[in-house]
Protein backbone atom coordinates (compact mmCIF):
# COMPACT_ATOMS: atom_id res chain seq x y z
CA UNK A 1 151.95 2.81 -11.88
CA UNK A 2 152.65 5.24 -14.68
CA UNK A 3 155.20 8.04 -14.66
CA UNK A 4 152.31 10.52 -14.58
CA UNK A 5 150.87 8.86 -11.46
CA UNK A 6 154.28 8.96 -9.75
CA UNK A 7 154.68 12.65 -10.58
CA UNK A 8 151.17 13.47 -9.33
CA UNK A 9 151.57 11.59 -6.03
CA UNK A 10 154.96 13.06 -5.17
CA UNK A 11 153.87 16.52 -6.26
CA UNK A 12 150.80 16.38 -4.01
CA UNK A 13 152.75 15.10 -1.00
CA UNK A 14 155.61 17.58 -1.30
CA UNK A 15 153.78 20.64 -2.61
CA UNK A 16 156.22 20.80 -5.53
CA UNK A 17 154.87 21.88 -8.91
CA UNK A 18 154.05 19.12 -11.36
CA UNK A 19 156.33 20.51 -14.06
CA UNK A 20 159.31 20.63 -11.72
CA UNK A 21 158.51 17.20 -10.28
CA UNK A 22 158.25 15.73 -13.79
CA UNK A 23 161.78 16.94 -14.53
CA UNK A 24 163.05 15.40 -11.28
CA UNK A 25 161.35 12.04 -11.89
CA UNK A 26 162.47 12.00 -15.52
CA UNK A 27 166.08 12.68 -14.49
CA UNK A 28 165.94 9.98 -11.83
CA UNK A 29 164.53 7.39 -14.24
CA UNK A 30 167.13 8.25 -16.88
CA UNK A 31 169.89 7.81 -14.30
CA UNK A 32 168.55 4.41 -13.23
CA UNK A 33 168.25 3.25 -16.87
CA UNK A 34 171.85 4.28 -17.60
CA UNK A 35 173.12 2.61 -14.46
CA UNK A 36 171.35 -0.65 -15.27
CA UNK A 37 172.48 -0.56 -18.90
CA UNK A 38 176.12 -0.05 -17.88
CA UNK A 39 176.09 -2.74 -15.19
CA UNK A 40 174.78 -5.49 -17.47
CA UNK A 41 171.38 -5.98 -15.84
């Protein structure tokens, strides 16, 4: 599943705008990447 597909699905289910949802998903993914990089995974 691509980032675009994730954004579209969540946006449709929540009624949140795609632009806003993209920023939320992008922020979440960045946080996960940083956490994994810092924990040695």
